[in-house]
Amino acid sequence: MNLPMTSSVYPLRLEGELDAPLSRWLWLVKLVLVIPHWFVLLFLWIAFVALSVVAFFAILFTGRYPRGIFDFNVGVLRWSWRVCFYSFNALATDRYPPFTLADVPDYPARLEVEYPQSLSRGLVLVKSWLLALPQYLIVAVFAGGAWASLNAANDHGGWSSGGGLIGLLVLIAGVVLLFTGRYPRAIFDFVLGMNRWVYRVVAYATLMTDAYPPFRLDMGGPESAPDTVRTDAISPEPAPGL
């Protein structure tokens, strides 16, 4: 699937656009409105975890992540991000999330993960429980204490902020929206950066990439683009005739 976004240094690309104008009061009932989504996502995440176990053994013996499982798991992450973006991980759109694993190009929240052609057989043994431990501590601060950290450690990326910094800032944004009709842009950019960090850790912990999540908060806007060679760079050899 092609994702017409600025390419990211990291294999997981998470985007979100502040979909103004927003209703002043709708955010007060969004947790109720997304109950059907959480019901479906519960079963999708059960399948996600089970298939991740299958992928673990496939990577261990073949060095490859089965493409069908990979696409399904990316779809679960994508669905989760849309629901979180609509509800209490951002509150940044009033457009109800679609019930689909597929990419929805015109929805303001999007997620994609590059398919790895090969993965380390050795790293698969230590990524989730050892190498990702420092990242879990940061995720715990962002997404809500030990509960969020435990979910990440058990390859359960279907999370919602529960008392963490994301939840606190989104609540503040909701209160400001209620009284002023405006969502503070600075809060949105910060929240988007924290969500990017969390989903990168989820992708790494669930074996979808060998690229270690950067200790970097990419706030707001499109993902950072990789360094490219300048088109106006001086040629290493003189032009003919000089």
Protein backbone atom coordinates (compact mmCIF):
# COMPACT_ATOMS: atom_id res chain seq x y z
CA MET A 1 0.00 0.00 0.00
CA ASN A 2 1.28 3.44 -0.87
CA LEU A 3 1.13 6.12 1.77
CA PRO A 4 1.58 9.62 0.33
CA MET A 5 3.31 11.09 3.35
CA THR A 6 6.73 12.43 4.09
CA SER A 7 8.91 9.33 4.47
CA SER A 8 10.20 8.64 7.93
CA VAL A 9 13.58 7.53 9.19
CA TYR A 10 11.75 4.97 11.32
CA PRO A 11 9.85 2.11 9.62
CA LEU A 12 6.61 3.01 11.42
CA ARG A 13 5.01 6.21 10.19
CA LEU A 14 2.21 7.72 12.26
CA GLU A 15 0.37 10.83 11.11
CA GLY A 16 -2.43 12.95 12.51
CA GLU A 17 -4.02 16.18 11.36
CA LEU A 18 -5.87 18.47 13.75
CA ASP A 19 -9.33 18.35 12.19
CA ALA A 20 -10.69 21.75 13.15
CA PRO A 21 -13.27 23.03 13.79
CA LEU A 22 -14.11 20.64 16.61
CA SER A 23 -17.32 20.39 18.61
CA ARG A 24 -16.99 21.90 22.07
CA TRP A 25 -18.94 19.15 23.80
CA LEU A 26 -18.69 15.98 21.69
CA TRP A 27 -15.45 14.90 23.40
CA LEU A 28 -17.45 14.47 26.62
CA VAL A 29 -19.23 11.43 25.16
CA LYS A 30 -16.60 9.99 22.82
CA LEU A 31 -15.61 7.25 25.26
CA VAL A 32 -19.19 5.99 25.02
CA LEU A 33 -19.36 6.41 21.25
CA VAL A 34 -16.28 4.24 20.67
CA ILE A 35 -17.52 1.29 22.73
CA PRO A 36 -18.38 -0.68 19.55
CA HIS A 37 -14.79 -0.16 18.38
CA TRP A 38 -13.28 -1.34 21.67
CA PHE A 39 -15.46 -4.45 21.51
CA VAL A 40 -14.15 -5.31 18.02
CA LEU A 41 -10.59 -4.33 18.91
CA LEU A 42 -10.63 -6.67 21.90
CA PHE A 43 -10.95 -9.63 19.56
CA LEU A 44 -8.58 -8.14 17.01
CA TRP A 45 -5.89 -7.75 19.67
CA ILE A 46 -6.39 -11.31 20.84
CA ALA A 47 -5.74 -12.37 17.25
CA PHE A 48 -2.82 -9.91 17.06
CA VAL A 49 -1.10 -11.49 20.07
CA ALA A 50 -1.72 -15.05 18.86
CA LEU A 51 -0.42 -14.27 15.37
CA SER A 52 2.60 -12.49 16.85
CA VAL A 53 3.53 -15.76 18.55
CA VAL A 54 3.31 -17.50 15.16
CA ALA A 55 5.44 -14.71 13.66
CA PHE A 56 8.01 -15.16 16.46
CA PHE A 57 8.65 -18.76 15.45
CA ALA A 58 8.59 -17.91 11.76
CA ILE A 59 11.26 -15.25 12.29
CA LEU A 60 13.29 -17.54 14.54
CA PHE A 61 13.47 -20.30 11.92
CA THR A 62 13.30 -18.36 8.64
CA GLY A 63 14.31 -14.77 9.40
CA ARG A 64 11.12 -13.50 7.78
CA TYR A 65 7.85 -12.12 9.14
CA PRO A 66 4.94 -13.84 7.30
CA ARG A 67 3.50 -11.14 5.03
CA GLY A 68 -0.16 -12.01 5.64
CA ILE A 69 0.29 -11.83 9.42
CA PHE A 70 2.28 -8.61 9.07
CA ASP A 71 -0.43 -6.89 7.03
CA PHE A 72 -3.13 -7.98 9.49
CA ASN A 73 -1.15 -6.73 12.48
CA VAL A 74 -0.44 -3.41 10.80
CA GLY A 75 -4.18 -3.13 10.19
CA VAL A 76 -4.87 -3.65 13.88
CA LEU A 77 -2.38 -0.92 14.80
CA ARG A 78 -3.93 1.36 12.19
CA TRP A 79 -7.47 0.76 13.46
CA SER A 80 -6.33 1.32 17.05
CA TRP A 81 -4.64 4.61 16.16
CA ARG A 82 -7.75 5.95 14.43
CA VAL A 83 -9.89 5.13 17.48
CA CYS A 84 -7.30 6.60 19.86
CA PHE A 85 -7.00 9.72 17.72
CA TYR A 86 -10.77 10.21 17.81
CA SER A 87 -11.06 9.52 21.53
CA PHE A 88 -8.87 10.10 24.55
CA ASN A 89 -5.40 9.81 23.04
CA ALA A 90 -5.89 12.99 21.02
CA LEU A 91 -9.55 14.13 20.63
CA ALA A 92 -8.30 15.71 17.42
CA THR A 93 -11.17 14.84 15.08
CA ASP A 94 -14.94 14.52 15.26
CA ARG A 95 -15.05 12.15 12.27
CA TYR A 96 -16.13 8.75 13.54
CA PRO A 97 -13.43 6.10 12.87
CA PRO A 98 -14.19 3.60 10.10
CA PHE A 99 -14.49 -0.11 10.92
CA THR A 100 -11.68 -1.37 8.73
CA LEU A 101 -8.11 -2.67 8.88
CA ALA A 102 -7.32 -0.95 5.60
CA ASP A 103 -5.74 2.44 5.16
CA VAL A 104 -8.30 5.23 4.72
CA PRO A 105 -6.48 8.00 2.82
CA ASP A 106 -8.92 10.80 3.68
CA TYR A 107 -9.09 10.06 7.42
CA PRO A 108 -7.03 12.53 9.50
CA ALA A 109 -5.20 9.75 11.42
CA ARG A 110 -3.06 7.29 9.47
CA LEU A 111 -0.43 4.67 10.22
CA GLU A 112 1.85 2.52 8.10
CA VAL A 113 4.76 0.18 8.77
CA GLU A 114 7.38 -0.79 6.20
CA TYR A 115 7.50 -4.52 5.59
CA PRO A 116 10.95 -5.88 6.56
CA GLN A 117 12.49 -8.12 3.90
CA SER A 118 14.43 -9.93 6.61
CA LEU A 119 14.72 -9.86 10.40
CA SER A 120 17.42 -10.97 12.81
CA ARG A 121 16.83 -14.45 14.21
CA GLY A 122 18.85 -13.65 17.32
CA LEU A 123 17.20 -10.30 18.15
CA VAL A 124 13.75 -11.90 18.13
CA LEU A 125 14.74 -13.69 21.36
CA VAL A 126 15.50 -10.53 23.32
CA LYS A 127 13.69 -7.54 21.79
CA SER A 128 10.40 -7.68 23.70
CA TRP A 129 11.56 -8.50 27.22
CA LEU A 130 15.10 -7.09 27.40
CA LEU A 131 16.08 -4.54 24.76
CA ALA A 132 12.80 -2.65 24.96
CA LEU A 133 12.85 -2.26 28.75
CA PRO A 134 14.16 1.36 28.73
CA GLN A 135 11.44 2.22 26.23
CA TYR A 136 8.75 0.69 28.46
CA LEU A 137 9.69 3.13 31.21
CA ILE A 138 9.09 6.07 28.88
CA VAL A 139 5.87 4.55 27.55
CA ALA A 140 4.70 4.17 31.15
CA VAL A 141 5.09 7.93 31.68
CA PHE A 142 3.38 8.80 28.41
CA ALA A 143 0.56 6.28 28.46
CA GLY A 144 -0.32 5.76 32.09
CA GLY A 145 1.93 4.09 34.61
CA ALA A 146 2.60 0.42 35.17
CA TRP A 147 -0.60 -0.67 33.40
CA ALA A 148 0.52 0.78 30.06
CA SER A 149 4.03 -0.58 30.54
CA LEU A 150 2.70 -4.05 31.30
CA ASN A 151 0.53 -3.99 28.18
CA ALA A 152 3.54 -3.10 26.06
CA ALA A 153 5.69 -5.78 27.66
CA ASN A 154 3.07 -8.39 26.85
CA ASP A 155 2.89 -7.34 23.19
CA HIS A 156 -0.49 -5.74 23.75
CA GLY A 157 -0.47 -2.50 21.83
CA GLY A 158 -4.19 -1.83 22.09
CA TRP A 159 -3.91 0.82 24.69
CA SER A 160 -5.57 3.99 25.80
CA SER A 161 -3.98 6.57 28.03
CA GLY A 162 -4.97 6.01 31.62
CA GLY A 163 -3.58 8.74 33.83
CA GLY A 164 -0.36 9.24 31.88
CA LEU A 165 0.97 12.44 30.39
CA ILE A 166 -0.99 11.90 27.18
CA GLY A 167 -4.26 11.54 29.09
CA LEU A 168 -3.55 14.60 31.21
CA LEU A 169 -2.72 16.87 28.29
CA VAL A 170 -5.66 15.63 26.22
CA LEU A 171 -7.98 16.33 29.16
CA ILE A 172 -6.60 19.86 29.42
CA ALA A 173 -7.13 20.31 25.67
CA GLY A 174 -10.71 19.08 26.06
CA VAL A 175 -11.44 21.59 28.81
CA VAL A 176 -9.93 24.42 26.76
CA LEU A 177 -12.00 23.28 23.77
CA LEU A 178 -15.15 23.24 25.88
CA PHE A 179 -14.76 26.86 26.99
CA THR A 180 -13.05 28.46 23.99
CA GLY A 181 -13.95 26.30 21.00
CA ARG A 182 -10.25 25.93 20.15
CA TYR A 183 -7.83 23.02 20.55
CA PRO A 184 -4.39 24.31 21.66
CA ARG A 185 -1.98 23.55 18.82
CA ALA A 186 1.02 23.17 21.12
CA ILE A 187 -0.75 20.46 23.11
CA PHE A 188 -1.73 18.63 19.92
CA ASP A 189 1.85 18.63 18.62
CA PHE A 190 3.19 17.30 21.92
CA VAL A 191 0.51 14.61 22.17
CA LEU A 192 1.14 13.49 18.60
CA GLY A 193 4.85 13.17 19.33
CA MET A 194 4.21 11.00 22.38
CA ASN A 195 1.82 8.79 20.44
CA ARG A 196 4.46 8.33 17.75
CA TRP A 197 6.95 7.25 20.39
CA VAL A 198 4.50 4.74 21.91
CA TYR A 199 3.52 3.14 18.60
CA ARG A 200 7.16 2.82 17.55
CA VAL A 201 7.83 0.89 20.75
CA VAL A 202 4.78 -1.30 20.12
CA ALA A 203 6.00 -2.10 16.59
CA TYR A 204 9.48 -2.97 17.88
CA ALA A 205 8.23 -5.03 20.82
CA THR A 206 5.87 -6.99 18.58
CA LEU A 207 8.78 -7.93 16.30
CA MET A 208 7.65 -5.90 13.27
CA THR A 209 11.05 -4.24 12.85
CA ASP A 210 14.64 -4.59 14.03
CA ALA A 211 15.10 -0.81 14.04
CA TYR A 212 15.36 0.30 17.67
CA PRO A 213 12.90 3.13 18.48
CA PRO A 214 14.76 6.45 18.62
CA PHE A 215 14.83 8.41 21.85
CA ARG A 216 13.31 11.33 20.00
CA LEU A 217 10.03 13.19 20.31
CA ASP A 218 8.83 14.03 16.79
CA MET A 219 6.16 16.56 17.60
CA GLY A 220 3.44 17.60 15.18
CA GLY A 221 3.55 17.82 11.42
CA PRO A 222 4.63 15.04 9.08
CA GLU A 223 7.25 12.51 10.10
CA SER A 224 10.91 13.47 9.74
CA ALA A 225 12.35 12.71 6.32
CA PRO A 226 15.62 10.80 5.99
CA ASP A 227 18.72 12.69 4.94
CA THR A 228 19.04 12.90 1.19
CA VAL A 229 21.90 13.88 -1.07
CA ARG A 230 21.71 17.53 -2.05
CA THR A 231 21.04 18.03 -5.74
CA ASP A 232 23.36 21.04 -5.79
CA ALA A 233 26.32 19.20 -4.29
CA ILE A 234 29.67 19.82 -6.00
CA SER A 235 30.75 16.98 -8.25
CA PRO A 236 33.75 15.07 -6.90
CA GLU A 237 35.34 15.22 -10.38
CA PRO A 238 35.84 18.35 -12.45
CA ALA A 239 33.66 18.78 -15.48
CA PRO A 240 35.24 17.89 -18.82
CA GLY A 241 37.40 20.66 -20.23
CA LEU A 242 38.15 22.23 -16.82
